[in-house]
PDB file of N, CA and C in Angstrom:
ATOM      1  N   UNK A   1       0.856  -1.172   0.000  1.00  0.00           N
ATOM      2  CA  UNK A   1       0.000   0.000   0.000  1.00  0.00           C
ATOM      3  C   UNK A   1       0.901   1.232   0.000  1.00  0.00           C
ATOM      4  N   UNK A   2       0.665   2.195  -0.897  1.00  0.00           N
ATOM      5  CA  UNK A   2       1.476   3.415  -0.908  1.00  0.00           C
ATOM      6  C   UNK A   2       1.394   4.138   0.430  1.00  0.00           C
ATOM      7  N   UNK A   3       2.477   4.850   0.770  1.00  0.00           N
ATOM      8  CA  UNK A   3       2.588   5.531   2.065  1.00  0.00           C
ATOM      9  C   UNK A   3       1.401   6.463   2.324  1.00  0.00           C
ATOM     10  N   UNK A   4       0.978   7.227   1.308  1.00  0.00           N
ATOM     11  CA  UNK A   4      -0.120   8.180   1.488  1.00  0.00           C
ATOM     12  C   UNK A   4      -1.430   7.466   1.822  1.00  0.00           C
ATOM     13  N   UNK A   5      -1.721   6.366   1.115  1.00  0.00           N
ATOM     14  CA  UNK A   5      -2.948   5.612   1.387  1.00  0.00           C
ATOM     15  C   UNK A   5      -2.877   4.946   2.752  1.00  0.00           C
ATOM     16  N   UNK A   6      -1.687   4.441   3.102  1.00  0.00           N
ATOM     17  CA  UNK A   6      -1.515   3.794   4.402  1.00  0.00           C
ATOM     18  C   UNK A   6      -1.751   4.813   5.520  1.00  0.00           C
ATOM     19  N   UNK A   7      -1.188   6.011   5.389  1.00  0.00           N
ATOM     20  CA  UNK A   7      -1.369   7.044   6.406  1.00  0.00           C
ATOM     21  C   UNK A   7      -2.841   7.422   6.527  1.00  0.00           C
ATOM     22  N   UNK A   8      -3.540   7.535   5.384  1.00  0.00           N
ATOM     23  CA  UNK A   8      -4.969   7.865   5.399  1.00  0.00           C
ATOM     24  C   UNK A   8      -5.759   6.777   6.132  1.00  0.00           C
ATOM     25  N   UNK A   9      -5.412   5.505   5.887  1.00  0.00           N
ATOM     26  CA  UNK A   9      -6.098   4.389   6.553  1.00  0.00           C
ATOM     27  C   UNK A   9      -5.869   4.442   8.058  1.00  0.00           C
ATOM     28  N   UNK A  10      -4.637   4.755   8.477  1.00  0.00           N
ATOM     29  CA  UNK A  10      -4.324   4.867   9.906  1.00  0.00           C
ATOM     30  C   UNK A  10      -5.137   6.002  10.523  1.00  0.00           C
ATOM     31  N   UNK A  11      -5.204   7.154   9.840  1.00  0.00           N
ATOM     32  CA  UNK A  11      -5.959   8.294  10.362  1.00  0.00           C
ATOM     33  C   UNK A  11      -7.445   7.967  10.482  1.00  0.00           C
ATOM     34  N   UNK A  12      -8.013   7.279   9.479  1.00  0.00           N
ATOM     35  CA  UNK A  12      -9.428   6.919   9.537  1.00  0.00           C
ATOM     36  C   UNK A  12      -9.697   5.959  10.688  1.00  0.00           C
ATOM     37  N   UNK A  13      -8.838   4.952  10.862  1.00  0.00           N
ATOM     38  CA  UNK A  13      -8.993   3.985  11.946  1.00  0.00           C
ATOM     39  C   UNK A  13      -8.912   4.687  13.297  1.00  0.00           C
ATOM     40  N   UNK A  14      -7.947   5.585  13.450  1.00  0.00           N
ATOM     41  CA  UNK A  14      -7.785   6.311  14.709  1.00  0.00           C
ATOM     42  C   UNK A  14      -8.985   7.205  14.988  1.00  0.00           C
ATOM     43  N   UNK A  15      -9.506   7.843  13.955  1.00  0.00           N
ATOM     44  CA  UNK A  15     -10.665   8.714  14.141  1.00  0.00           C
ATOM     45  C   UNK A  15     -11.874   7.918  14.605  1.00  0.00           C
ATOM     46  N   UNK A  16     -12.106   6.761  14.006  1.00  0.00           N
ATOM     47  CA  UNK A  16     -13.221   5.897  14.419  1.00  0.00           C
ATOM     48  C   UNK A  16     -13.005   5.431  15.855  1.00  0.00           C
ATOM     49  N   UNK A  17     -11.775   5.017  16.188  1.00  0.00           N
ATOM     50  CA  UNK A  17     -11.472   4.558  17.550  1.00  0.00           C
ATOM     51  C   UNK A  17     -11.713   5.684  18.553  1.00  0.00           C
ATOM     52  N   UNK A  18     -11.291   6.906  18.209  1.00  0.00           N
ATOM     53  CA  UNK A  18     -11.495   8.033  19.111  1.00  0.00           C
ATOM     54  C   UNK A  18     -12.977   8.307  19.296  1.00  0.00           C
ATOM     55  N   UNK A  19     -13.746   8.304  18.206  1.00  0.00           N
ATOM     56  CA  UNK A  19     -15.188   8.554  18.320  1.00  0.00           C
ATOM     57  C   UNK A  19     -15.853   7.505  19.207  1.00  0.00           C
ATOM     58  N   UNK A  20     -15.465   6.240  19.051  1.00  0.00           N
ATOM     59  CA  UNK A  20     -16.021   5.176  19.890  1.00  0.00           C
ATOM     60  C   UNK A  20     -15.651   5.399  21.350  1.00  0.00           C
ATOM     61  N   UNK A  21     -14.394   5.764  21.616  1.00  0.00           N
ATOM     62  CA  UNK A  21     -13.945   6.015  22.979  1.00  0.00           C
ATOM     63  C   UNK A  21     -14.734   7.182  23.576  1.00  0.00           C
ATOM     64  N   UNK A  22     -14.846   8.253  22.820  1.00  0.00           N
ATOM     65  CA  UNK A  22     -15.543   9.445  23.296  1.00  0.00           C
ATOM     66  C   UNK A  22     -17.003   9.131  23.615  1.00  0.00           C
ATOM     67  N   UNK A  23     -17.638   8.350  22.742  1.00  0.00           N
ATOM     68  CA  UNK A  23     -19.041   7.976  22.945  1.00  0.00           C
ATOM     69  C   UNK A  23     -19.191   7.165  24.234  1.00  0.00           C
ATOM     70  N   UNK A  24     -18.239   6.277  24.516  1.00  0.00           N
ATOM     71  CA  UNK A  24     -18.307   5.413  25.692  1.00  0.00           C
ATOM     72  C   UNK A  24     -17.889   6.112  26.987  1.00  0.00           C
ATOM     73  N   UNK A  25     -16.973   7.081  26.902  1.00  0.00           N
ATOM     74  CA  UNK A  25     -16.392   7.662  28.108  1.00  0.00           C
ATOM     75  C   UNK A  25     -16.681   9.146  28.314  1.00  0.00           C
ATOM     76  N   UNK A  26     -17.364   9.780  27.387  1.00  0.00           N
ATOM     77  CA  UNK A  26     -17.639  11.209  27.537  1.00  0.00           C
ATOM     78  C   UNK A  26     -16.406  12.044  27.265  1.00  0.00           C
ATOM     79  N   UNK A  27     -16.360  13.219  27.845  1.00  0.00           N
ATOM     80  CA  UNK A  27     -15.264  14.136  27.557  1.00  0.00           C
ATOM     81  C   UNK A  27     -13.948  13.632  28.134  1.00  0.00           C
ATOM     82  N   UNK A  28     -12.870  14.082  27.527  1.00  0.00           N
ATOM     83  CA  UNK A  28     -11.534  13.693  27.969  1.00  0.00           C
ATOM     84  C   UNK A  28     -10.693  14.952  28.137  1.00  0.00           C
ATOM     85  N   UNK A  29      -9.620  14.843  28.922  1.00  0.00           N
ATOM     86  CA  UNK A  29      -8.683  15.953  29.044  1.00  0.00           C
ATOM     87  C   UNK A  29      -7.923  16.084  27.731  1.00  0.00           C
ATOM     88  N   UNK A  30      -7.607  17.316  27.355  1.00  0.00           N
ATOM     89  CA  UNK A  30      -6.808  17.494  26.155  1.00  0.00           C
ATOM     90  C   UNK A  30      -5.844  18.656  26.324  1.00  0.00           C
ATOM     91  N   UNK A  31      -4.814  18.640  25.485  1.00  0.00           N
ATOM     92  CA  UNK A  31      -3.812  19.698  25.441  1.00  0.00           C
ATOM     93  C   UNK A  31      -3.644  20.127  23.995  1.00  0.00           C
ATOM     94  N   UNK A  32      -3.344  21.387  23.763  1.00  0.00           N
ATOM     95  CA  UNK A  32      -2.903  21.821  22.443  1.00  0.00           C
ATOM     96  C   UNK A  32      -1.413  21.514  22.380  1.00  0.00           C
ATOM     97  N   UNK A  33      -0.984  20.804  21.342  1.00  0.00           N
ATOM     98  CA  UNK A  33       0.406  20.355  21.259  1.00  0.00           C
ATOM     99  C   UNK A  33       1.019  20.657  19.896  1.00  0.00           C
ATOM    100  N   UNK A  34       2.347  20.727  19.895  1.00  0.00           N
ATOM    101  CA  UNK A  34       3.129  20.809  18.667  1.00  0.00           C
ATOM    102  C   UNK A  34       3.742  19.427  18.456  1.00  0.00           C
ATOM    103  N   UNK A  35       3.550  18.862  17.277  1.00  0.00           N
ATOM    104  CA  UNK A  35       3.989  17.496  17.002  1.00  0.00           C
ATOM    105  C   UNK A  35       5.063  17.494  15.922  1.00  0.00           C
ATOM    106  N   UNK A  36       6.162  16.800  16.210  1.00  0.00           N
ATOM    107  CA  UNK A  36       7.233  16.568  15.246  1.00  0.00           C
ATOM    108  C   UNK A  36       7.456  15.063  15.183  1.00  0.00           C
ATOM    109  N   UNK A  37       8.465  14.631  14.430  1.00  0.00           N
ATOM    110  CA  UNK A  37       8.733  13.197  14.313  1.00  0.00           C
ATOM    111  C   UNK A  37      10.229  12.927  14.428  1.00  0.00           C
ATOM    112  N   UNK A  38      10.555  11.713  14.852  1.00  0.00           N
ATOM    113  CA  UNK A  38      11.950  11.285  14.971  1.00  0.00           C
ATOM    114  C   UNK A  38      12.070   9.828  14.569  1.00  0.00           C
ATOM    115  N   UNK A  39      13.309   9.393  14.363  1.00  0.00           N
ATOM    116  CA  UNK A  39      13.578   7.995  14.021  1.00  0.00           C
ATOM    117  C   UNK A  39      14.747   7.523  14.882  1.00  0.00           C
ATOM    118  N   UNK A  40      15.128   6.249  14.791  1.00  0.00           N
ATOM    119  CA  UNK A  40      16.191   5.749  15.667  1.00  0.00           C
ATOM    120  C   UNK A  40      17.608   6.008  15.150  1.00  0.00           C
ATOM    121  N   UNK A  41      17.802   7.015  14.281  1.00  0.00           N
ATOM    122  CA  UNK A  41      19.140   7.261  13.731  1.00  0.00           C
ATOM    123  C   UNK A  41      19.980   8.132  14.674  1.00  0.00           C
ATOM    124  N   UNK A  42      21.268   8.247  14.358  1.00  0.00           N
ATOM    125  CA  UNK A  42      22.179   9.068  15.161  1.00  0.00           C
ATOM    126  C   UNK A  42      21.797  10.544  15.121  1.00  0.00           C
ATOM    127  N   UNK A  43      21.249  11.002  13.999  1.00  0.00           N
ATOM    128  CA  UNK A  43      20.868  12.412  13.874  1.00  0.00           C
ATOM    129  C   UNK A  43      19.725  12.741  14.834  1.00  0.00           C
ATOM    130  N   UNK A  44      18.723  11.890  14.871  1.00  0.00           N
ATOM    131  CA  UNK A  44      17.547  12.142  15.718  1.00  0.00           C
ATOM    132  C   UNK A  44      17.786  11.818  17.188  1.00  0.00           C
ATOM    133  N   UNK A  45      18.513  10.739  17.449  1.00  0.00           N
ATOM    134  CA  UNK A  45      18.610  10.236  18.829  1.00  0.00           C
ATOM    135  C   UNK A  45      20.010  10.225  19.429  1.00  0.00           C
ATOM    136  N   UNK A  46      21.028  10.328  18.601  1.00  0.00           N
ATOM    137  CA  UNK A  46      22.379  10.205  19.122  1.00  0.00           C
ATOM    138  C   UNK A  46      22.779   8.756  19.340  1.00  0.00           C
ATOM    139  N   UNK A  47      21.850   7.852  19.155  1.00  0.00           N
ATOM    140  CA  UNK A  47      22.081   6.413  19.241  1.00  0.00           C
ATOM    141  C   UNK A  47      21.114   5.762  18.263  1.00  0.00           C
ATOM    142  N   UNK A  48      21.262   4.492  18.033  1.00  0.00           N
ATOM    143  CA  UNK A  48      20.324   3.864  17.089  1.00  0.00           C
ATOM    144  C   UNK A  48      19.935   2.463  17.542  1.00  0.00           C
ATOM    145  N   UNK A  49      19.676   2.323  18.847  1.00  0.00           N
ATOM    146  CA  UNK A  49      19.278   1.001  19.343  1.00  0.00           C
ATOM    147  C   UNK A  49      17.765   0.799  19.357  1.00  0.00           C
ATOM    148  N   UNK A  50      16.986   1.874  19.178  1.00  0.00           N
ATOM    149  CA  UNK A  50      15.532   1.749  19.114  1.00  0.00           C
ATOM    150  C   UNK A  50      14.858   1.479  20.446  1.00  0.00           C
ATOM    151  N   UNK A  51      15.595   1.620  21.546  1.00  0.00           N
ATOM    152  CA  UNK A  51      15.022   1.401  22.879  1.00  0.00           C
ATOM    153  C   UNK A  51      14.633   2.755  23.470  1.00  0.00           C
ATOM    154  N   UNK A  52      13.411   2.843  23.974  1.00  0.00           N
ATOM    155  CA  UNK A  52      12.894   4.094  24.528  1.00  0.00           C
ATOM    156  C   UNK A  52      13.383   4.307  25.960  1.00  0.00           C
ATOM    157  N   UNK A  53      13.135   5.481  26.494  1.00  0.00           N
ATOM    158  CA  UNK A  53      13.526   5.765  27.880  1.00  0.00           C
ATOM    159  C   UNK A  53      12.726   4.935  28.876  1.00  0.00           C
ATOM    160  N   UNK A  54      11.592   4.376  28.440  1.00  0.00           N
ATOM    161  CA  UNK A  54      10.816   3.487  29.312  1.00  0.00           C
ATOM    162  C   UNK A  54      11.322   2.046  29.235  1.00  0.00           C
ATOM    163  N   UNK A  55      12.337   1.811  28.378  1.00  0.00           N
ATOM    164  CA  UNK A  55      12.913   0.474  28.250  1.00  0.00           C
ATOM    165  C   UNK A  55      12.246  -0.394  27.199  1.00  0.00           C
ATOM    166  N   UNK A  56      11.215   0.118  26.548  1.00  0.00           N
ATOM    167  CA  UNK A  56      10.502  -0.652  25.526  1.00  0.00           C
ATOM    168  C   UNK A  56      11.064  -0.339  24.149  1.00  0.00           C
ATOM    169  N   UNK A  57      10.963  -1.286  23.217  1.00  0.00           N
ATOM    170  CA  UNK A  57      11.380  -0.979  21.845  1.00  0.00           C
ATOM    171  C   UNK A  57      10.408   0.025  21.219  1.00  0.00           C
ATOM    172  N   UNK A  58      10.961   1.026  20.539  1.00  0.00           N
ATOM    173  CA  UNK A  58      10.117   2.019  19.867  1.00  0.00           C
ATOM    174  C   UNK A  58       9.402   1.367  18.692  1.00  0.00           C
ATOM    175  N   UNK A  59       8.130   1.730  18.502  1.00  0.00           N
ATOM    176  CA  UNK A  59       7.327   1.185  17.410  1.00  0.00           C
ATOM    177  C   UNK A  59       6.636   2.321  16.667  1.00  0.00           C
ATOM    178  N   UNK A  60       6.766   2.312  15.342  1.00  0.00           N
ATOM    179  CA  UNK A  60       6.048   3.292  14.523  1.00  0.00           C
ATOM    180  C   UNK A  60       4.549   3.087  14.724  1.00  0.00           C
ATOM    181  N   UNK A  61       3.789   4.153  14.634  1.00  0.00           N
ATOM    182  CA  UNK A  61       2.331   4.149  14.836  1.00  0.00           C
ATOM    183  C   UNK A  61       1.921   3.775  16.255  1.00  0.00           C
ATOM    184  N   UNK A  62       2.847   3.857  17.205  1.00  0.00           N
ATOM    185  CA  UNK A  62       2.543   3.588  18.613  1.00  0.00           C
ATOM    186  C   UNK A  62       3.309   4.531  19.541  1.00  0.00           C
ATOM    187  N   UNK A  63       4.632   4.586  19.401  1.00  0.00           N
ATOM    188  CA  UNK A  63       5.500   5.279  20.350  1.00  0.00           C
ATOM    189  C   UNK A  63       5.568   6.783  20.089  1.00  0.00           C
ATOM    190  N   UNK A  64       5.440   7.546  21.170  1.00  0.00           N
ATOM    191  CA  UNK A  64       5.701   8.985  21.118  1.00  0.00           C
ATOM    192  C   UNK A  64       6.632   9.355  22.264  1.00  0.00           C
ATOM    193  N   UNK A  65       7.408  10.422  22.032  1.00  0.00           N
ATOM    194  CA  UNK A  65       8.246  10.994  23.083  1.00  0.00           C
ATOM    195  C   UNK A  65       7.523  12.227  23.621  1.00  0.00           C
ATOM    196  N   UNK A  66       7.559  12.378  24.930  1.00  0.00           N
ATOM    197  CA  UNK A  66       6.828  13.450  25.605  1.00  0.00           C
ATOM    198  C   UNK A  66       7.701  14.066  26.694  1.00  0.00           C
ATOM    199  N   UNK A  67       7.232  15.141  27.283  1.00  0.00           N
ATOM    200  CA  UNK A  67       7.829  15.710  28.484  1.00  0.00           C
ATOM    201  C   UNK A  67       7.081  15.079  29.656  1.00  0.00           C
ATOM    202  N   UNK A  68       7.745  14.227  30.457  1.00  0.00           N
ATOM    203  CA  UNK A  68       7.035  13.540  31.542  1.00  0.00           C
ATOM    204  C   UNK A  68       6.503  14.480  32.625  1.00  0.00           C
ATOM    205  N   UNK A  69       6.940  15.731  32.630  1.00  0.00           N
ATOM    206  CA  UNK A  69       6.377  16.703  33.569  1.00  0.00           C
ATOM    207  C   UNK A  69       4.986  17.151  33.112  1.00  0.00           C
ATOM    208  N   UNK A  70       4.660  16.918  31.834  1.00  0.00           N
ATOM    209  CA  UNK A  70       3.363  17.309  31.276  1.00  0.00           C
ATOM    210  C   UNK A  70       2.469  16.091  31.060  1.00  0.00           C
ATOM    211  N   UNK A  71       3.031  15.047  30.467  1.00  0.00           N
ATOM    212  CA  UNK A  71       2.296  13.809  30.171  1.00  0.00           C
ATOM    213  C   UNK A  71       3.097  12.654  30.764  1.00  0.00           C
ATOM    214  N   UNK A  72       2.543  11.892  31.693  1.00  0.00           N
ATOM    215  CA  UNK A  72       3.288  10.782  32.290  1.00  0.00           C
ATOM    216  C   UNK A  72       3.612   9.685  31.268  1.00  0.00           C
ATOM    217  N   UNK A  73       4.782   9.060  31.437  1.00  0.00           N
ATOM    218  CA  UNK A  73       5.113   7.895  30.614  1.00  0.00           C
ATOM    219  C   UNK A  73       4.023   6.849  30.802  1.00  0.00           C
ATOM    220  N   UNK A  74       3.690   6.154  29.732  1.00  0.00           N
ATOM    221  CA  UNK A  74       2.667   5.120  29.782  1.00  0.00           C
ATOM    222  C   UNK A  74       1.275   5.614  29.452  1.00  0.00           C
ATOM    223  N   UNK A  75       1.118   6.931  29.230  1.00  0.00           N
ATOM    224  CA  UNK A  75      -0.190   7.493  28.914  1.00  0.00           C
ATOM    225  C   UNK A  75      -0.565   7.214  27.460  1.00  0.00           C
ATOM    226  N   UNK A  76      -1.819   6.830  27.234  1.00  0.00           N
ATOM    227  CA  UNK A  76      -2.331   6.648  25.874  1.00  0.00           C
ATOM    228  C   UNK A  76      -3.030   7.941  25.464  1.00  0.00           C
ATOM    229  N   UNK A  77      -2.697   8.432  24.257  1.00  0.00           N
ATOM    230  CA  UNK A  77      -3.270   9.676  23.755  1.00  0.00           C
ATOM    231  C   UNK A  77      -3.819   9.500  22.349  1.00  0.00           C
ATOM    232  N   UNK A  78      -4.805  10.305  22.035  1.00  0.00           N
ATOM    233  CA  UNK A  78      -5.273  10.428  20.654  1.00  0.00           C
ATOM    234  C   UNK A  78      -4.808  11.785  20.164  1.00  0.00           C
ATOM    235  N   UNK A  79      -3.970  11.802  19.131  1.00  0.00           N
ATOM    236  CA  UNK A  79      -3.544  13.040  18.501  1.00  0.00           C
ATOM    237  C   UNK A  79      -4.497  13.302  17.350  1.00  0.00           C
ATOM    238  N   UNK A  80      -5.287  14.347  17.480  1.00  0.00           N
ATOM    239  CA  UNK A  80      -6.357  14.629  16.524  1.00  0.00           C
ATOM    240  C   UNK A  80      -5.819  14.679  15.090  1.00  0.00           C
ATOM    241  N   UNK A  81      -6.434  13.870  14.224  1.00  0.00           N
ATOM    242  CA  UNK A  81      -6.048  13.820  12.823  1.00  0.00           C
ATOM    243  C   UNK A  81      -4.809  13.001  12.541  1.00  0.00           C
ATOM    244  N   UNK A  82      -4.198  12.415  13.584  1.00  0.00           N
ATOM    245  CA  UNK A  82      -2.962  11.653  13.387  1.00  0.00           C
ATOM    246  C   UNK A  82      -3.129  10.211  13.836  1.00  0.00           C
ATOM    247  N   UNK A  83      -3.601   9.980  15.061  1.00  0.00           N
ATOM    248  CA  UNK A  83      -3.789   8.615  15.526  1.00  0.00           C
ATOM    249  C   UNK A  83      -3.685   8.474  17.031  1.00  0.00           C
ATOM    250  N   UNK A  84      -3.703   7.219  17.470  1.00  0.00           N
ATOM    251  CA  UNK A  84      -3.611   6.873  18.889  1.00  0.00           C
ATOM    252  C   UNK A  84      -2.198   6.375  19.159  1.00  0.00           C
ATOM    253  N   UNK A  85      -1.587   6.882  20.229  1.00  0.00           N
ATOM    254  CA  UNK A  85      -0.193   6.585  20.546  1.00  0.00           C
ATOM    255  C   UNK A  85      -0.028   6.380  22.050  1.00  0.00           C
ATOM    256  N   UNK A  86       1.144   5.844  22.432  1.00  0.00           N
ATOM    257  CA  UNK A  86       1.475   5.647  23.840  1.00  0.00           C
ATOM    258  C   UNK A  86       2.762   6.410  24.136  1.00  0.00           C
ATOM    259  N   UNK A  87       2.758   7.159  25.227  1.00  0.00           N
ATOM    260  CA  UNK A  87       3.936   7.913  25.660  1.00  0.00           C
ATOM    261  C   UNK A  87       4.949   6.935  26.247  1.00  0.00           C
ATOM    262  N   UNK A  88       5.939   6.559  25.438  1.00  0.00           N
ATOM    263  CA  UNK A  88       6.931   5.567  25.860  1.00  0.00           C
ATOM    264  C   UNK A  88       8.350   6.116  25.881  1.00  0.00           C
ATOM    265  N   UNK A  89       8.539   7.362  25.452  1.00  0.00           N
ATOM    266  CA  UNK A  89       9.889   7.894  25.324  1.00  0.00           C
ATOM    267  C   UNK A  89       9.910   9.349  25.772  1.00  0.00           C
ATOM    268  N   UNK A  90      11.101   9.835  26.072  1.00  0.00           N
ATOM    269  CA  UNK A  90      11.313  11.243  26.387  1.00  0.00           C
ATOM    270  C   UNK A  90      12.417  11.737  25.463  1.00  0.00           C
ATOM    271  N   UNK A  91      12.591  13.033  25.389  1.00  0.00           N
ATOM    272  CA  UNK A  91      13.642  13.577  24.539  1.00  0.00           C
ATOM    273  C   UNK A  91      14.189  14.855  25.129  1.00  0.00           C
ATOM    274  N   UNK A  92      15.450  15.115  24.871  1.00  0.00           N
ATOM    275  CA  UNK A  92      16.110  16.289  25.421  1.00  0.00           C
ATOM    276  C   UNK A  92      15.478  17.606  25.021  1.00  0.00           C
ATOM    277  N   UNK A  93      14.919  17.684  23.808  1.00  0.00           N
ATOM    278  CA  UNK A  93      14.309  18.934  23.349  1.00  0.00           C
ATOM    279  C   UNK A  93      12.785  18.887  23.416  1.00  0.00           C
ATOM    280  N   UNK A  94      12.238  17.792  23.925  1.00  0.00           N
ATOM    281  CA  UNK A  94      10.786  17.664  24.060  1.00  0.00           C
ATOM    282  C   UNK A  94      10.403  18.221  25.431  1.00  0.00           C
ATOM    283  N   UNK A  95      10.018  19.487  25.434  1.00  0.00           N
ATOM    284  CA  UNK A  95       9.663  20.189  26.675  1.00  0.00           C
ATOM    285  C   UNK A  95       8.294  20.827  26.521  1.00  0.00           C
ATOM    286  N   UNK A  96       7.529  20.827  27.590  1.00  0.00           N
ATOM    287  CA  UNK A  96       6.207  21.443  27.558  1.00  0.00           C
ATOM    288  C   UNK A  96       5.244  20.641  26.698  1.00  0.00           C
ATOM    289  N   UNK A  97       4.427  21.326  25.945  1.00  0.00           N
ATOM    290  CA  UNK A  97       3.391  20.678  25.136  1.00  0.00           C
ATOM    291  C   UNK A  97       3.920  20.289  23.759  1.00  0.00           C
ATOM    292  N   UNK A  98       5.047  19.617  23.734  1.00  0.00           N
ATOM    293  CA  UNK A  98       5.625  19.120  22.483  1.00  0.00           C
ATOM    294  C   UNK A  98       5.602  17.606  22.515  1.00  0.00           C
ATOM    295  N   UNK A  99       5.323  17.015  21.367  1.00  0.00           N
ATOM    296  CA  UNK A  99       5.281  15.561  21.228  1.00  0.00           C
ATOM    297  C   UNK A  99       6.079  15.193  19.992  1.00  0.00           C
ATOM    298  N   UNK A 100       6.839  14.116  20.084  1.00  0.00           N
ATOM    299  CA  UNK A 100       7.654  13.622  18.977  1.00  0.00           C
ATOM    300  C   UNK A 100       7.179  12.214  18.629  1.00  0.00           C
ATOM    301  N   UNK A 101       6.718  12.004  17.391  1.00  0.00           N
ATOM    302  CA  UNK A 101       6.255  10.685  16.937  1.00  0.00           C
ATOM    303  C   UNK A 101       7.437   9.855  16.482  1.00  0.00           C
ATOM    304  N   UNK A 102       7.474   8.594  16.854  1.00  0.00           N
ATOM    305  CA  UNK A 102       8.520   7.702  16.362  1.00  0.00           C
ATOM    306  C   UNK A 102       8.145   7.203  14.973  1.00  0.00           C
ATOM    307  N   UNK A 103       9.101   7.265  14.052  1.00  0.00           N
ATOM    308  CA  UNK A 103       8.937   6.720  12.702  1.00  0.00           C
ATOM    309  C   UNK A 103      10.127   5.820  12.411  1.00  0.00           C
ATOM    310  N   UNK A 104       9.948   4.884  11.494  1.00  0.00           N
ATOM    311  CA  UNK A 104      10.996   3.904  11.218  1.00  0.00           C
ATOM    312  C   UNK A 104      12.209   4.462  10.496  1.00  0.00           C
ATOM    313  N   UNK A 105      12.038   5.540   9.716  1.00  0.00           N
ATOM    314  CA  UNK A 105      13.195   6.048   8.977  1.00  0.00           C
ATOM    315  C   UNK A 105      13.224   7.573   8.979  1.00  0.00           C
ATOM    316  N   UNK A 106      14.415   8.089   8.739  1.00  0.00           N
ATOM    317  CA  UNK A 106      14.673   9.520   8.832  1.00  0.00           C
ATOM    318  C   UNK A 106      13.888  10.321   7.789  1.00  0.00           C
ATOM    319  N   UNK A 107      13.780   9.817   6.574  1.00  0.00           N
ATOM    320  CA  UNK A 107      13.079  10.545   5.519  1.00  0.00           C
ATOM    321  C   UNK A 107      11.614  10.804   5.897  1.00  0.00           C
ATOM    322  N   UNK A 108      10.940   9.774   6.411  1.00  0.00           N
ATOM    323  CA  UNK A 108       9.536   9.954   6.817  1.00  0.00           C
ATOM    324  C   UNK A 108       9.421  10.930   7.994  1.00  0.00           C
ATOM    325  N   UNK A 109      10.384  10.884   8.901  1.00  0.00           N
ATOM    326  CA  UNK A 109      10.375  11.823  10.029  1.00  0.00           C
ATOM    327  C   UNK A 109      10.509  13.258   9.522  1.00  0.00           C
ATOM    328  N   UNK A 110      11.409  13.480   8.567  1.00  0.00           N
ATOM    329  CA  UNK A 110      11.571  14.818   7.992  1.00  0.00           C
ATOM    330  C   UNK A 110      10.311  15.269   7.256  1.00  0.00           C
ATOM    331  N   UNK A 111       9.725  14.369   6.472  1.00  0.00           N
ATOM    332  CA  UNK A 111       8.528  14.697   5.692  1.00  0.00           C
ATOM    333  C   UNK A 111       7.329  15.037   6.583  1.00  0.00           C
ATOM    334  N   UNK A 112       7.289  14.481   7.788  1.00  0.00           N
ATOM    335  CA  UNK A 112       6.179  14.769   8.700  1.00  0.00           C
ATOM    336  C   UNK A 112       6.133  16.258   9.041  1.00  0.00           C
ATOM    337  N   UNK A 113       7.303  16.852   9.226  1.00  0.00           N
ATOM    338  CA  UNK A 113       7.368  18.280   9.529  1.00  0.00           C
ATOM    339  C   UNK A 113       6.908  18.606  10.934  1.00  0.00           C
ATOM    340  N   UNK A 114       6.229  19.730  11.087  1.00  0.00           N
ATOM    341  CA  UNK A 114       5.718  20.196  12.379  1.00  0.00           C
ATOM    342  C   UNK A 114       4.225  20.450  12.219  1.00  0.00           C
ATOM    343  N   UNK A 115       3.443  19.894  13.129  1.00  0.00           N
ATOM    344  CA  UNK A 115       1.992  20.070  13.088  1.00  0.00           C
ATOM    345  C   UNK A 115       1.512  20.539  14.465  1.00  0.00           C
ATOM    346  N   UNK A 116       0.448  21.292  14.479  1.00  0.00           N
ATOM    347  CA  UNK A 116      -0.199  21.687  15.729  1.00  0.00           C
ATOM    348  C   UNK A 116      -1.558  20.998  15.766  1.00  0.00           C
ATOM    349  N   UNK A 117      -1.863  20.349  16.889  1.00  0.00           N
ATOM    350  CA  UNK A 117      -3.123  19.622  17.015  1.00  0.00           C
ATOM    351  C   UNK A 117      -3.514  19.527  18.482  1.00  0.00           C
ATOM    352  N   UNK A 118      -4.554  18.785  18.762  1.00  0.00           N
ATOM    353  CA  UNK A 118      -4.980  18.521  20.138  1.00  0.00           C
ATOM    354  C   UNK A 118      -4.573  17.098  20.507  1.00  0.00           C
ATOM    355  N   UNK A 119      -4.098  16.924  21.729  1.00  0.00           N
ATOM    356  CA  UNK A 119      -3.774  15.604  22.269  1.00  0.00           C
ATOM    357  C   UNK A 119      -4.793  15.305  23.361  1.00  0.00           C
ATOM    358  N   UNK A 120      -5.610  14.288  23.142  1.00  0.00           N
ATOM    359  CA  UNK A 120      -6.617  13.873  24.116  1.00  0.00           C
ATOM    360  C   UNK A 120      -6.047  12.744  24.964  1.00  0.00           C
ATOM    361  N   UNK A 121      -6.103  12.895  26.269  1.00  0.00           N
ATOM    362  CA  UNK A 121      -5.625  11.867  27.187  1.00  0.00           C
ATOM    363  C   UNK A 121      -6.702  10.792  27.263  1.00  0.00           C
ATOM    364  N   UNK A 122      -6.397   9.612  26.734  1.00  0.00           N
ATOM    365  CA  UNK A 122      -7.364   8.517  26.760  1.00  0.00           C
ATOM    366  C   UNK A 122      -7.237   7.697  28.031  1.00  0.00           C
ATOM    367  N   UNK A 123      -5.999   7.391  28.393  1.00  0.00           N
ATOM    368  CA  UNK A 123      -5.776   6.560  29.575  1.00  0.00           C
ATOM    369  C   UNK A 123      -4.384   6.860  30.104  1.00  0.00           C
ATOM    370  N   UNK A 124      -4.294   7.204  31.375  1.00  0.00           N
ATOM    371  CA  UNK A 124      -2.992   7.484  31.968  1.00  0.00           C
ATOM    372  C   UNK A 124      -2.342   6.195  32.438  1.00  0.00           C
ATOM    373  N   UNK A 125      -1.067   6.075  32.147  1.00  0.00           N
ATOM    374  CA  UNK A 125      -0.227   4.947  32.581  1.00  0.00           C
ATOM    375  C   UNK A 125      -0.879   3.592  32.343  1.00  0.00           C
ATOM    376  N   UNK A 126      -0.955   3.206  31.071  1.00  0.00           N
ATOM    377  CA  UNK A 126      -1.530   1.894  30.749  1.00  0.00           C
ATOM    378  C   UNK A 126      -0.546   0.794  31.068  1.00  0.00           C
TER     379      UNK A 126
END
């Protein structure tokens, strides 16, 4: 499946999942966030072992890096228009309401750019 179609499918699935969650649980806490992307290369991480600060292997379409003073590690979030992720990593430049999505390769991380969206807290410390 081409990358663009795959991303659209992920966004549609996440949107449906969020709507179902919202319908079942009512309102959720949210933050306005700035979202960027990173990969396990030396440029993005300074290392390339793919292990997060929580000790788990980083996974595309799941792992995000957060500021643990704002969002606790282990929190599940819905990033509006992007998908559902788990806060499994931290980063030296990820401070305040910034979130970094893990991607498998550097080119896709660069292409993601910078987006502003809402992060809905679905479940803290899963």
